[in-house]
């Protein structure tokens, strides 16, 4: 998979892409991440990419032309283009799973007051990380890169993906490690039994119990 990120602040991604699982995925050629500073595609003086909004109002609005020129430099016609904005549809595990089927994903990071509305003619969808506002789309882009890359074949074990939270609209089961007794808090006896049938049954019940307690809204789905 190739992921292009259109951003005014490519340096924000350096640490995220140079550590842990993402670093290994890039080194193993499971994914290619390309950072594009769309300021380099403006035709205006001083690298200008935004201007005041028609009709007045606070803030500055990103113009279409630098972003569209950056898209065209990537041959985006066969890519899935995502605009990161608080007005987009909520991002979740289902969306992450749908993204892994694309060979080419392009993420456009906003900043300032927002985008010229006409940019929507050049993207496939708008996506939001949640019902809150950030200073830009860089952090959502990092989250999407991480959540999609880990789903690609060979990045992490298949078993880890099958059993994790949000599969089947259930949270993950509770897990424990050594010591068995930590300040009086004990590991459930069944996990120490060696009986894998009972352990699997307990884990299924744990998923349901955790979901009821922490995210009962998921059970409605």
N, C-alpha and C. Protein backbone atom coordinates (compact mmCIF):
# COMPACT_ATOMS: atom_id res chain seq x y z
N UNK A 1 0.84 -1.20 0.00
CA UNK A 1 0.00 0.00 0.00
C UNK A 1 0.87 1.25 0.00
N UNK A 2 0.39 2.27 -0.69
CA UNK A 2 1.04 3.57 -0.66
C UNK A 2 0.08 4.58 -0.02
N UNK A 3 0.60 5.34 0.93
CA UNK A 3 -0.19 6.39 1.56
C UNK A 3 0.53 7.71 1.37
N UNK A 4 -0.13 8.64 0.70
CA UNK A 4 0.39 10.00 0.54
C UNK A 4 -0.35 10.91 1.52
N UNK A 5 0.40 11.78 2.16
CA UNK A 5 -0.19 12.73 3.10
C UNK A 5 0.11 14.14 2.62
N UNK A 6 -0.94 14.90 2.34
CA UNK A 6 -0.79 16.30 1.96
C UNK A 6 -0.92 17.15 3.21
N UNK A 7 0.15 17.85 3.55
CA UNK A 7 0.20 18.57 4.81
C UNK A 7 1.10 19.79 4.69
N UNK A 8 0.85 20.77 5.53
CA UNK A 8 1.74 21.93 5.63
C UNK A 8 2.87 21.70 6.63
N UNK A 9 2.77 20.58 7.38
CA UNK A 9 3.74 20.34 8.45
C UNK A 9 4.25 18.90 8.40
N UNK A 10 5.00 18.54 7.37
CA UNK A 10 5.48 17.16 7.24
C UNK A 10 6.38 16.72 8.39
N UNK A 11 7.08 17.65 9.01
CA UNK A 11 7.99 17.26 10.09
C UNK A 11 7.26 16.70 11.30
N UNK A 12 5.97 16.98 11.42
CA UNK A 12 5.19 16.44 12.53
C UNK A 12 5.13 14.91 12.49
N UNK A 13 5.33 14.34 11.31
CA UNK A 13 5.18 12.89 11.14
C UNK A 13 6.46 12.12 11.39
N UNK A 14 7.59 12.81 11.47
CA UNK A 14 8.87 12.12 11.49
C UNK A 14 8.97 11.11 12.63
N UNK A 15 8.70 11.55 13.85
CA UNK A 15 8.83 10.64 14.98
C UNK A 15 7.88 9.47 14.91
N UNK A 16 6.65 9.72 14.48
CA UNK A 16 5.63 8.66 14.41
C UNK A 16 6.04 7.57 13.42
N UNK A 17 6.62 7.98 12.30
CA UNK A 17 6.97 7.02 11.26
C UNK A 17 8.32 6.35 11.46
N UNK A 18 9.06 6.81 12.45
CA UNK A 18 10.41 6.29 12.66
C UNK A 18 10.53 5.47 13.94
N UNK A 19 9.41 4.99 14.44
CA UNK A 19 9.41 4.19 15.66
C UNK A 19 8.50 2.97 15.51
N UNK A 20 8.85 1.91 16.23
CA UNK A 20 7.97 0.79 16.50
C UNK A 20 7.44 0.11 15.23
N UNK A 21 6.17 -0.27 15.26
CA UNK A 21 5.57 -1.09 14.21
C UNK A 21 5.54 -0.36 12.87
N UNK A 22 5.24 0.93 12.87
CA UNK A 22 5.21 1.67 11.60
C UNK A 22 6.58 1.69 10.95
N UNK A 23 7.61 1.88 11.73
CA UNK A 23 8.97 1.88 11.19
C UNK A 23 9.28 0.54 10.53
N UNK A 24 8.95 -0.56 11.21
CA UNK A 24 9.22 -1.88 10.66
C UNK A 24 8.40 -2.15 9.41
N UNK A 25 7.15 -1.70 9.41
CA UNK A 25 6.29 -1.91 8.24
C UNK A 25 6.86 -1.19 7.02
N UNK A 26 7.40 0.00 7.23
CA UNK A 26 8.01 0.76 6.13
C UNK A 26 9.29 0.07 5.66
N UNK A 27 10.13 -0.35 6.62
CA UNK A 27 11.38 -1.02 6.27
C UNK A 27 11.14 -2.34 5.54
N UNK A 28 10.06 -3.03 5.88
CA UNK A 28 9.73 -4.31 5.26
C UNK A 28 8.90 -4.15 3.99
N UNK A 29 8.71 -2.90 3.56
CA UNK A 29 7.98 -2.59 2.31
C UNK A 29 6.53 -3.06 2.36
N UNK A 30 5.95 -3.11 3.56
CA UNK A 30 4.52 -3.40 3.67
C UNK A 30 3.70 -2.17 3.31
N UNK A 31 4.27 -1.00 3.55
CA UNK A 31 3.60 0.26 3.24
C UNK A 31 4.64 1.30 2.88
N UNK A 32 4.27 2.19 1.99
CA UNK A 32 5.10 3.34 1.63
C UNK A 32 4.37 4.60 2.04
N UNK A 33 5.02 5.44 2.85
CA UNK A 33 4.42 6.69 3.31
C UNK A 33 5.16 7.84 2.65
N UNK A 34 4.41 8.69 1.96
CA UNK A 34 4.99 9.83 1.26
C UNK A 34 4.36 11.11 1.78
N UNK A 35 5.20 12.01 2.28
CA UNK A 35 4.73 13.28 2.83
C UNK A 35 4.90 14.38 1.79
N UNK A 36 3.81 15.08 1.51
CA UNK A 36 3.80 16.12 0.48
C UNK A 36 3.41 17.45 1.12
N UNK A 37 4.31 18.40 1.05
CA UNK A 37 4.01 19.75 1.54
C UNK A 37 3.33 20.52 0.42
N UNK A 38 2.02 20.71 0.54
CA UNK A 38 1.32 21.34 -0.59
C UNK A 38 1.60 22.84 -0.70
N UNK A 39 2.34 23.39 0.26
CA UNK A 39 2.78 24.77 0.11
C UNK A 39 3.71 24.91 -1.10
N UNK A 40 4.39 23.83 -1.44
CA UNK A 40 5.32 23.85 -2.57
C UNK A 40 4.60 23.95 -3.91
N UNK A 41 3.27 23.82 -3.90
CA UNK A 41 2.52 23.82 -5.15
C UNK A 41 1.73 25.11 -5.37
N UNK A 42 1.91 26.08 -4.50
CA UNK A 42 1.23 27.35 -4.71
C UNK A 42 1.93 28.15 -5.80
N UNK A 43 1.16 28.95 -6.50
CA UNK A 43 1.73 29.84 -7.52
C UNK A 43 1.82 31.27 -7.01
N UNK A 44 1.45 31.47 -5.75
CA UNK A 44 1.45 32.80 -5.17
C UNK A 44 2.76 33.08 -4.44
N UNK A 45 3.01 34.35 -4.20
CA UNK A 45 4.25 34.77 -3.54
C UNK A 45 4.27 34.33 -2.08
N UNK A 46 5.47 34.13 -1.57
CA UNK A 46 5.71 33.83 -0.15
C UNK A 46 5.05 32.52 0.31
N UNK A 47 4.80 31.61 -0.62
CA UNK A 47 4.23 30.32 -0.26
C UNK A 47 2.80 30.38 0.24
N UNK A 48 2.05 31.37 -0.19
CA UNK A 48 0.69 31.54 0.31
C UNK A 48 -0.23 30.41 -0.14
N UNK A 49 -0.96 29.81 0.80
CA UNK A 49 -1.89 28.74 0.48
C UNK A 49 -3.29 29.01 1.02
N UNK A 50 -3.48 30.15 1.71
CA UNK A 50 -4.78 30.46 2.29
C UNK A 50 -5.11 31.92 2.07
N UNK A 51 -6.37 32.26 2.33
CA UNK A 51 -6.80 33.65 2.18
C UNK A 51 -8.03 33.86 3.05
N UNK A 52 -8.46 35.12 3.13
CA UNK A 52 -9.63 35.45 3.94
C UNK A 52 -10.89 34.92 3.29
N UNK A 53 -11.91 34.56 4.06
CA UNK A 53 -13.14 33.99 3.49
C UNK A 53 -14.02 35.06 2.84
N UNK A 54 -14.61 34.71 1.71
CA UNK A 54 -15.63 35.57 1.12
C UNK A 54 -16.79 35.71 2.10
N UNK A 55 -17.33 36.90 2.23
CA UNK A 55 -18.43 37.16 3.14
C UNK A 55 -17.98 37.54 4.53
N UNK A 56 -16.65 37.50 4.73
CA UNK A 56 -16.11 37.88 6.03
C UNK A 56 -16.13 36.72 7.01
N UNK A 57 -15.53 36.95 8.15
CA UNK A 57 -15.48 35.92 9.19
C UNK A 57 -14.07 35.74 9.71
N UNK A 58 -13.97 34.97 10.77
CA UNK A 58 -12.68 34.78 11.42
C UNK A 58 -11.83 33.76 10.69
N UNK A 59 -10.53 33.90 10.83
CA UNK A 59 -9.61 32.89 10.32
C UNK A 59 -9.31 32.99 8.85
N UNK A 60 -8.47 32.06 8.41
CA UNK A 60 -8.04 31.99 7.01
C UNK A 60 -8.49 30.64 6.44
N UNK A 61 -8.79 30.63 5.15
CA UNK A 61 -9.32 29.45 4.49
C UNK A 61 -8.30 28.93 3.47
N UNK A 62 -8.05 27.62 3.51
CA UNK A 62 -7.14 27.02 2.54
C UNK A 62 -7.75 27.07 1.14
N UNK A 63 -6.93 27.48 0.18
CA UNK A 63 -7.38 27.59 -1.20
C UNK A 63 -7.32 26.24 -1.91
N UNK A 64 -8.12 26.11 -2.96
CA UNK A 64 -8.17 24.86 -3.71
C UNK A 64 -6.89 24.58 -4.49
N UNK A 65 -6.36 25.59 -5.15
CA UNK A 65 -5.35 25.36 -6.17
C UNK A 65 -4.09 24.64 -5.68
N UNK A 66 -3.47 25.04 -4.58
CA UNK A 66 -2.27 24.31 -4.16
C UNK A 66 -2.54 22.84 -3.86
N UNK A 67 -3.70 22.55 -3.26
CA UNK A 67 -4.03 21.18 -2.92
C UNK A 67 -4.32 20.36 -4.17
N UNK A 68 -5.06 20.92 -5.10
CA UNK A 68 -5.37 20.20 -6.34
C UNK A 68 -4.10 19.97 -7.16
N UNK A 69 -3.22 20.96 -7.20
CA UNK A 69 -1.94 20.77 -7.91
C UNK A 69 -1.12 19.65 -7.26
N UNK A 70 -1.13 19.60 -5.94
CA UNK A 70 -0.41 18.53 -5.24
C UNK A 70 -1.03 17.17 -5.56
N UNK A 71 -2.36 17.11 -5.58
CA UNK A 71 -3.04 15.86 -5.95
C UNK A 71 -2.66 15.43 -7.36
N UNK A 72 -2.67 16.36 -8.28
CA UNK A 72 -2.38 16.03 -9.67
C UNK A 72 -0.94 15.56 -9.85
N UNK A 73 -0.05 16.01 -8.99
CA UNK A 73 1.34 15.57 -9.07
C UNK A 73 1.49 14.11 -8.66
N UNK A 74 0.47 13.57 -7.98
CA UNK A 74 0.51 12.20 -7.48
C UNK A 74 -0.26 11.23 -8.36
N UNK A 75 -0.83 11.71 -9.44
CA UNK A 75 -1.65 10.85 -10.28
C UNK A 75 -2.73 10.18 -9.44
N UNK A 76 -3.60 11.00 -8.88
CA UNK A 76 -4.54 10.55 -7.85
C UNK A 76 -5.80 9.89 -8.40
N UNK A 77 -5.93 9.76 -9.69
CA UNK A 77 -7.19 9.27 -10.26
C UNK A 77 -7.54 7.86 -9.78
N UNK A 78 -6.54 7.05 -9.50
CA UNK A 78 -6.80 5.68 -9.03
C UNK A 78 -6.65 5.54 -7.51
N UNK A 79 -6.51 6.67 -6.83
CA UNK A 79 -6.35 6.65 -5.37
C UNK A 79 -7.69 6.93 -4.69
N UNK A 80 -7.76 6.55 -3.43
CA UNK A 80 -8.90 6.93 -2.60
C UNK A 80 -8.48 8.14 -1.79
N UNK A 81 -9.13 9.27 -2.02
CA UNK A 81 -8.71 10.55 -1.46
C UNK A 81 -9.62 10.93 -0.29
N UNK A 82 -9.00 11.16 0.86
CA UNK A 82 -9.74 11.45 2.09
C UNK A 82 -9.39 12.83 2.60
N UNK A 83 -10.40 13.65 2.81
CA UNK A 83 -10.23 14.97 3.39
C UNK A 83 -10.52 14.88 4.89
N UNK A 84 -9.55 15.26 5.70
CA UNK A 84 -9.70 15.17 7.15
C UNK A 84 -10.28 16.47 7.69
N UNK A 85 -11.50 16.38 8.21
CA UNK A 85 -12.24 17.55 8.65
C UNK A 85 -13.23 17.17 9.74
N UNK A 86 -13.50 18.05 10.70
CA UNK A 86 -14.49 17.74 11.75
C UNK A 86 -15.88 17.47 11.20
N UNK A 87 -16.15 17.90 9.97
CA UNK A 87 -17.47 17.70 9.38
C UNK A 87 -17.63 16.32 8.73
N UNK A 88 -16.56 15.52 8.70
CA UNK A 88 -16.61 14.24 8.01
C UNK A 88 -17.31 13.16 8.80
N UNK A 89 -17.48 12.01 8.18
CA UNK A 89 -18.09 10.87 8.86
C UNK A 89 -17.12 10.34 9.91
N UNK A 90 -17.62 9.78 10.99
CA UNK A 90 -16.75 9.30 12.07
C UNK A 90 -15.85 8.17 11.60
N UNK A 91 -14.60 8.24 11.99
CA UNK A 91 -13.64 7.18 11.68
C UNK A 91 -13.72 6.11 12.76
N UNK A 92 -13.74 4.85 12.33
CA UNK A 92 -13.77 3.74 13.28
C UNK A 92 -13.08 2.53 12.65
N UNK A 93 -13.12 1.41 13.37
CA UNK A 93 -12.41 0.22 12.90
C UNK A 93 -12.98 -0.29 11.59
N UNK A 94 -14.28 -0.15 11.39
CA UNK A 94 -14.90 -0.58 10.14
C UNK A 94 -14.34 0.19 8.97
N UNK A 95 -14.14 1.50 9.15
CA UNK A 95 -13.56 2.33 8.08
C UNK A 95 -12.11 1.93 7.85
N UNK A 96 -11.38 1.70 8.93
CA UNK A 96 -9.98 1.28 8.80
C UNK A 96 -9.87 0.00 7.98
N UNK A 97 -10.73 -0.95 8.27
CA UNK A 97 -10.72 -2.22 7.53
C UNK A 97 -11.03 -1.99 6.05
N UNK A 98 -11.95 -1.08 5.77
CA UNK A 98 -12.29 -0.80 4.37
C UNK A 98 -11.13 -0.14 3.63
N UNK A 99 -10.31 0.62 4.35
CA UNK A 99 -9.20 1.32 3.70
C UNK A 99 -8.07 0.38 3.30
N UNK A 100 -7.91 -0.72 4.00
CA UNK A 100 -6.76 -1.59 3.71
C UNK A 100 -6.86 -2.25 2.33
N UNK A 101 -8.03 -2.19 1.69
CA UNK A 101 -8.19 -2.79 0.37
C UNK A 101 -7.62 -1.90 -0.74
N UNK A 102 -7.35 -0.63 -0.41
CA UNK A 102 -6.85 0.28 -1.44
C UNK A 102 -5.34 0.14 -1.60
N UNK A 103 -4.88 0.21 -2.84
CA UNK A 103 -3.45 0.22 -3.11
C UNK A 103 -2.85 1.61 -2.87
N UNK A 104 -3.70 2.62 -3.00
CA UNK A 104 -3.21 4.01 -2.89
C UNK A 104 -4.23 4.83 -2.10
N UNK A 105 -3.80 5.35 -0.98
CA UNK A 105 -4.64 6.17 -0.12
C UNK A 105 -4.00 7.55 0.02
N UNK A 106 -4.79 8.59 -0.12
CA UNK A 106 -4.29 9.96 0.03
C UNK A 106 -5.07 10.65 1.14
N UNK A 107 -4.34 11.20 2.10
CA UNK A 107 -4.95 11.90 3.23
C UNK A 107 -4.59 13.38 3.13
N UNK A 108 -5.61 14.24 3.17
CA UNK A 108 -5.39 15.69 3.08
C UNK A 108 -5.64 16.32 4.44
N UNK A 109 -4.60 16.95 4.98
CA UNK A 109 -4.68 17.56 6.30
C UNK A 109 -5.05 19.04 6.19
N UNK A 110 -6.12 19.40 6.87
CA UNK A 110 -6.51 20.80 6.91
C UNK A 110 -5.74 21.57 7.96
N UNK A 111 -5.95 22.86 7.95
CA UNK A 111 -5.37 23.74 8.96
C UNK A 111 -6.12 25.07 8.88
N UNK A 112 -5.82 25.94 9.81
CA UNK A 112 -6.46 27.25 9.84
C UNK A 112 -7.98 27.09 10.01
N UNK A 113 -8.78 27.91 9.32
CA UNK A 113 -10.23 27.90 9.53
C UNK A 113 -10.92 26.78 8.76
N UNK A 114 -10.26 26.22 7.76
CA UNK A 114 -10.87 25.15 6.98
C UNK A 114 -10.50 25.23 5.52
N UNK A 115 -11.27 24.50 4.70
CA UNK A 115 -11.02 24.42 3.27
C UNK A 115 -12.04 25.24 2.48
N UNK A 116 -11.61 25.72 1.33
CA UNK A 116 -12.57 26.19 0.32
C UNK A 116 -13.47 25.00 -0.02
N UNK A 117 -14.78 25.19 0.05
CA UNK A 117 -15.74 24.11 -0.13
C UNK A 117 -15.56 23.37 -1.45
N UNK A 118 -15.02 24.06 -2.47
CA UNK A 118 -14.88 23.45 -3.80
C UNK A 118 -13.85 22.32 -3.83
N UNK A 119 -13.05 22.19 -2.79
CA UNK A 119 -12.09 21.09 -2.73
C UNK A 119 -12.81 19.75 -2.69
N UNK A 120 -14.10 19.77 -2.27
CA UNK A 120 -14.85 18.52 -2.17
C UNK A 120 -15.06 17.87 -3.53
N UNK A 121 -14.92 18.65 -4.60
CA UNK A 121 -15.05 18.09 -5.94
C UNK A 121 -13.86 17.22 -6.34
N UNK A 122 -12.83 17.21 -5.53
CA UNK A 122 -11.61 16.49 -5.88
C UNK A 122 -11.28 15.37 -4.87
N UNK A 123 -12.19 15.11 -3.93
CA UNK A 123 -11.94 14.06 -2.93
C UNK A 123 -13.07 13.05 -2.97
N UNK A 124 -12.81 11.89 -2.37
CA UNK A 124 -13.83 10.84 -2.34
C UNK A 124 -14.71 10.89 -1.11
N UNK A 125 -14.16 11.35 0.01
CA UNK A 125 -14.96 11.44 1.22
C UNK A 125 -14.28 12.32 2.25
N UNK A 126 -15.10 12.78 3.19
CA UNK A 126 -14.60 13.53 4.35
C UNK A 126 -14.67 12.62 5.57
N UNK A 127 -13.62 12.67 6.40
CA UNK A 127 -13.56 11.80 7.57
C UNK A 127 -13.15 12.62 8.78
N UNK A 128 -13.76 12.32 9.92
CA UNK A 128 -13.45 12.99 11.18
C UNK A 128 -13.00 11.97 12.21
N UNK A 129 -12.03 12.34 13.02
CA UNK A 129 -11.57 11.46 14.09
C UNK A 129 -12.55 11.45 15.26
N UNK A 130 -13.40 12.46 15.36
CA UNK A 130 -14.38 12.52 16.44
C UNK A 130 -15.02 13.89 16.50
N UNK A 131 -15.95 14.04 17.42
CA UNK A 131 -16.70 15.29 17.54
C UNK A 131 -15.94 16.30 18.39
N UNK A 132 -14.78 16.68 17.89
CA UNK A 132 -13.96 17.71 18.53
C UNK A 132 -13.10 18.34 17.45
N UNK A 133 -12.54 19.49 17.74
CA UNK A 133 -11.76 20.24 16.74
C UNK A 133 -10.30 20.27 17.15
N UNK A 134 -9.43 19.94 16.20
CA UNK A 134 -7.98 20.02 16.40
C UNK A 134 -7.42 21.19 15.61
N UNK A 135 -6.16 21.49 15.83
CA UNK A 135 -5.54 22.60 15.10
C UNK A 135 -5.25 22.24 13.65
N UNK A 136 -5.28 20.96 13.33
CA UNK A 136 -5.04 20.54 11.95
C UNK A 136 -5.34 19.06 11.78
N UNK A 137 -5.18 18.58 10.56
CA UNK A 137 -5.50 17.19 10.25
C UNK A 137 -4.34 16.23 10.42
N UNK A 138 -3.20 16.73 10.91
CA UNK A 138 -2.02 15.87 11.01
C UNK A 138 -2.21 14.72 12.01
N UNK A 139 -2.75 15.02 13.18
CA UNK A 139 -2.94 13.96 14.18
C UNK A 139 -3.95 12.92 13.69
N UNK A 140 -5.09 13.31 13.12
CA UNK A 140 -5.97 12.31 12.53
C UNK A 140 -5.29 11.48 11.43
N UNK A 141 -4.47 12.12 10.62
CA UNK A 141 -3.76 11.38 9.57
C UNK A 141 -2.84 10.33 10.18
N UNK A 142 -2.14 10.69 11.25
CA UNK A 142 -1.27 9.73 11.93
C UNK A 142 -2.08 8.55 12.46
N UNK A 143 -3.24 8.84 13.04
CA UNK A 143 -4.09 7.79 13.58
C UNK A 143 -4.56 6.84 12.48
N UNK A 144 -4.93 7.39 11.34
CA UNK A 144 -5.40 6.56 10.22
C UNK A 144 -4.25 5.72 9.68
N UNK A 145 -3.09 6.33 9.51
CA UNK A 145 -1.92 5.58 9.03
C UNK A 145 -1.64 4.40 9.94
N UNK A 146 -1.63 4.64 11.24
CA UNK A 146 -1.33 3.59 12.21
C UNK A 146 -2.38 2.50 12.19
N UNK A 147 -3.65 2.88 12.21
CA UNK A 147 -4.73 1.90 12.31
C UNK A 147 -4.89 1.07 11.04
N UNK A 148 -4.57 1.65 9.89
CA UNK A 148 -4.67 0.91 8.62
C UNK A 148 -3.43 0.04 8.40
N UNK A 149 -2.26 0.59 8.69
CA UNK A 149 -1.02 -0.15 8.45
C UNK A 149 -0.97 -1.44 9.26
N UNK A 150 -1.42 -1.38 10.50
CA UNK A 150 -1.36 -2.58 11.35
C UNK A 150 -2.27 -3.70 10.84
N UNK A 151 -3.23 -3.36 9.96
CA UNK A 151 -4.13 -4.36 9.39
C UNK A 151 -3.56 -5.02 8.14
N UNK A 152 -2.49 -4.47 7.59
CA UNK A 152 -1.93 -5.01 6.35
C UNK A 152 -1.27 -6.37 6.63
N UNK A 153 -1.35 -7.29 5.68
CA UNK A 153 -0.78 -8.62 5.88
C UNK A 153 0.70 -8.57 6.26
N UNK A 154 1.04 -9.29 7.31
CA UNK A 154 2.42 -9.41 7.71
C UNK A 154 2.93 -8.34 8.65
N UNK A 155 2.11 -7.32 8.94
CA UNK A 155 2.57 -6.25 9.84
C UNK A 155 2.50 -6.71 11.29
N UNK A 156 1.37 -7.27 11.69
CA UNK A 156 1.26 -7.93 13.00
C UNK A 156 0.60 -9.29 12.78
N UNK A 157 0.54 -10.11 13.81
CA UNK A 157 -0.01 -11.45 13.65
C UNK A 157 -1.51 -11.40 13.39
N UNK A 158 -1.97 -12.34 12.57
CA UNK A 158 -3.40 -12.41 12.26
C UNK A 158 -4.24 -12.63 13.51
N UNK A 159 -3.72 -13.41 14.45
CA UNK A 159 -4.46 -13.72 15.68
C UNK A 159 -4.74 -12.45 16.48
N UNK A 160 -3.77 -11.53 16.49
CA UNK A 160 -3.96 -10.28 17.23
C UNK A 160 -5.11 -9.48 16.67
N UNK A 161 -5.26 -9.50 15.35
CA UNK A 161 -6.33 -8.74 14.70
C UNK A 161 -7.69 -9.38 14.94
N UNK A 162 -7.74 -10.71 14.86
CA UNK A 162 -9.02 -11.42 14.99
C UNK A 162 -9.64 -11.20 16.37
N UNK A 163 -8.82 -11.21 17.40
CA UNK A 163 -9.33 -11.20 18.77
C UNK A 163 -9.47 -9.82 19.40
N UNK A 164 -9.16 -8.75 18.68
CA UNK A 164 -9.08 -7.45 19.33
C UNK A 164 -10.42 -6.73 19.41
N UNK A 165 -10.38 -5.57 20.06
CA UNK A 165 -11.60 -4.78 20.27
C UNK A 165 -12.25 -4.36 18.96
N UNK A 166 -13.58 -4.29 19.00
CA UNK A 166 -14.46 -3.80 17.95
C UNK A 166 -14.79 -4.85 16.89
N UNK A 167 -14.09 -5.99 16.88
CA UNK A 167 -14.54 -7.07 16.02
C UNK A 167 -15.86 -7.60 16.57
N UNK A 168 -16.83 -7.79 15.70
CA UNK A 168 -18.17 -8.24 16.11
C UNK A 168 -18.85 -7.24 17.04
N UNK A 169 -18.43 -5.98 16.99
CA UNK A 169 -18.99 -4.93 17.86
C UNK A 169 -18.82 -5.25 19.34
N UNK A 170 -17.75 -5.95 19.67
CA UNK A 170 -17.43 -6.24 21.06
C UNK A 170 -16.02 -5.74 21.37
N UNK A 171 -15.81 -5.38 22.63
CA UNK A 171 -14.47 -5.01 23.06
C UNK A 171 -13.63 -6.27 23.29
N UNK A 172 -12.34 -6.07 23.46
CA UNK A 172 -11.44 -7.19 23.69
C UNK A 172 -11.66 -7.77 25.09
N UNK A 173 -11.24 -9.02 25.28
CA UNK A 173 -11.33 -9.63 26.60
C UNK A 173 -10.23 -9.07 27.51
N UNK A 174 -10.42 -9.21 28.81
CA UNK A 174 -9.44 -8.75 29.79
C UNK A 174 -8.20 -9.64 29.74
N UNK A 175 -7.04 -9.02 29.91
CA UNK A 175 -5.79 -9.78 29.90
C UNK A 175 -5.00 -9.49 31.16
N UNK A 176 -4.15 -10.45 31.52
CA UNK A 176 -3.36 -10.35 32.73
C UNK A 176 -1.96 -10.90 32.46
N UNK A 177 -0.99 -10.50 33.29
CA UNK A 177 0.34 -11.07 33.24
C UNK A 177 0.90 -11.17 34.66
N UNK A 178 2.12 -11.59 34.80
CA UNK A 178 2.72 -11.77 36.12
C UNK A 178 2.87 -10.44 36.85
N UNK A 179 2.75 -10.45 38.20
CA UNK A 179 2.55 -11.61 39.08
C UNK A 179 1.09 -12.02 39.18
N UNK A 180 0.84 -13.20 39.70
CA UNK A 180 -0.53 -13.67 39.87
C UNK A 180 -1.29 -12.83 40.88
N UNK A 181 -0.60 -12.38 41.90
CA UNK A 181 -1.21 -11.57 42.96
C UNK A 181 -0.49 -10.23 43.01
N UNK A 182 -1.22 -9.17 42.66
CA UNK A 182 -0.64 -7.83 42.75
C UNK A 182 -1.45 -7.01 43.75
N UNK A 183 -0.86 -6.83 44.94
CA UNK A 183 -1.48 -6.06 46.02
C UNK A 183 -2.90 -6.54 46.34
N UNK A 184 -3.08 -7.84 46.26
CA UNK A 184 -4.38 -8.42 46.59
C UNK A 184 -5.31 -8.57 45.39
N UNK A 185 -4.94 -8.02 44.25
CA UNK A 185 -5.73 -8.17 43.03
C UNK A 185 -5.23 -9.42 42.29
N UNK A 186 -6.13 -10.40 42.13
CA UNK A 186 -5.73 -11.71 41.65
C UNK A 186 -6.10 -11.92 40.18
N UNK A 187 -5.30 -12.73 39.51
CA UNK A 187 -5.63 -13.19 38.16
C UNK A 187 -6.74 -14.24 38.28
N UNK A 188 -7.77 -14.20 37.43
CA UNK A 188 -8.82 -15.22 37.49
C UNK A 188 -8.24 -16.63 37.39
N UNK A 189 -8.74 -17.52 38.24
CA UNK A 189 -8.21 -18.88 38.32
C UNK A 189 -8.26 -19.61 36.97
N UNK A 190 -9.29 -19.36 36.19
CA UNK A 190 -9.44 -20.10 34.93
C UNK A 190 -8.26 -19.87 34.00
N UNK A 191 -7.65 -18.68 34.06
CA UNK A 191 -6.52 -18.39 33.17
C UNK A 191 -5.26 -19.14 33.59
N UNK A 192 -5.27 -19.68 34.80
CA UNK A 192 -4.13 -20.44 35.31
C UNK A 192 -4.37 -21.95 35.22
N UNK A 193 -5.53 -22.33 34.69
CA UNK A 193 -5.95 -23.73 34.73
C UNK A 193 -5.27 -24.59 33.66
N UNK A 194 -4.86 -23.99 32.56
CA UNK A 194 -4.31 -24.76 31.46
C UNK A 194 -5.38 -25.39 30.59
N UNK A 195 -6.65 -25.20 30.93
CA UNK A 195 -7.77 -25.75 30.16
C UNK A 195 -8.18 -24.73 29.10
N UNK A 196 -7.74 -24.95 27.86
CA UNK A 196 -7.94 -23.95 26.82
C UNK A 196 -9.42 -23.80 26.43
N UNK A 197 -10.18 -24.86 26.57
CA UNK A 197 -11.61 -24.75 26.28
C UNK A 197 -12.28 -23.79 27.26
N UNK A 198 -11.98 -23.96 28.55
CA UNK A 198 -12.55 -23.07 29.56
C UNK A 198 -12.02 -21.65 29.41
N UNK A 199 -10.75 -21.52 29.06
CA UNK A 199 -10.16 -20.19 28.87
C UNK A 199 -10.84 -19.46 27.72
N UNK A 200 -11.08 -20.16 26.61
CA UNK A 200 -11.75 -19.54 25.47
C UNK A 200 -13.18 -19.13 25.81
N UNK A 201 -13.87 -19.97 26.59
CA UNK A 201 -15.23 -19.62 27.01
C UNK A 201 -15.21 -18.39 27.91
N UNK A 202 -14.23 -18.36 28.83
CA UNK A 202 -14.11 -17.21 29.72
C UNK A 202 -13.83 -15.93 28.93
N UNK A 203 -12.99 -16.03 27.94
CA UNK A 203 -12.65 -14.86 27.14
C UNK A 203 -13.85 -14.34 26.34
N UNK A 204 -14.67 -15.26 25.84
CA UNK A 204 -15.88 -14.83 25.14
C UNK A 204 -16.81 -14.07 26.09
N UNK A 205 -16.98 -14.61 27.29
CA UNK A 205 -17.81 -13.94 28.28
C UNK A 205 -17.20 -12.61 28.71
N UNK A 206 -15.88 -12.56 28.78
CA UNK A 206 -15.19 -11.33 29.16
C UNK A 206 -15.43 -10.24 28.12
N UNK A 207 -15.44 -10.60 26.85
CA UNK A 207 -15.69 -9.61 25.79
C UNK A 207 -17.08 -9.00 25.96
N UNK A 208 -18.06 -9.85 26.20
CA UNK A 208 -19.43 -9.37 26.39
C UNK A 208 -19.53 -8.51 27.63
N UNK A 209 -18.94 -8.99 28.73
CA UNK A 209 -19.00 -8.25 29.99
C UNK A 209 -18.31 -6.89 29.87
N UNK A 210 -17.14 -6.85 29.26
CA UNK A 210 -16.43 -5.58 29.09
C UNK A 210 -17.22 -4.60 28.25
N UNK A 211 -17.88 -5.11 27.21
CA UNK A 211 -18.66 -4.25 26.33
C UNK A 211 -19.88 -3.69 27.06
N UNK A 212 -20.56 -4.53 27.82
CA UNK A 212 -21.71 -4.07 28.60
C UNK A 212 -21.32 -2.97 29.58
N UNK A 213 -20.15 -3.14 30.19
CA UNK A 213 -19.71 -2.22 31.23
C UNK A 213 -19.14 -0.92 30.66
N UNK A 214 -18.36 -1.02 29.58
CA UNK A 214 -17.61 0.14 29.08
C UNK A 214 -18.24 0.80 27.86
N UNK A 215 -18.82 -0.01 26.98
CA UNK A 215 -19.39 0.55 25.74
C UNK A 215 -20.71 -0.15 25.40
N UNK A 216 -21.74 0.01 26.23
CA UNK A 216 -23.01 -0.66 25.96
C UNK A 216 -23.64 -0.24 24.64
N UNK A 217 -23.26 0.93 24.12
CA UNK A 217 -23.80 1.38 22.84
C UNK A 217 -23.44 0.44 21.70
N UNK A 218 -22.30 -0.26 21.83
CA UNK A 218 -21.88 -1.17 20.77
C UNK A 218 -22.82 -2.36 20.67
N UNK A 219 -23.44 -2.76 21.77
CA UNK A 219 -24.33 -3.91 21.75
C UNK A 219 -25.58 -3.64 20.94
N UNK A 220 -25.96 -2.38 20.80
CA UNK A 220 -27.14 -2.02 20.01
C UNK A 220 -26.91 -2.27 18.52
N UNK A 221 -25.63 -2.39 18.13
CA UNK A 221 -25.32 -2.60 16.72
C UNK A 221 -25.39 -4.06 16.33
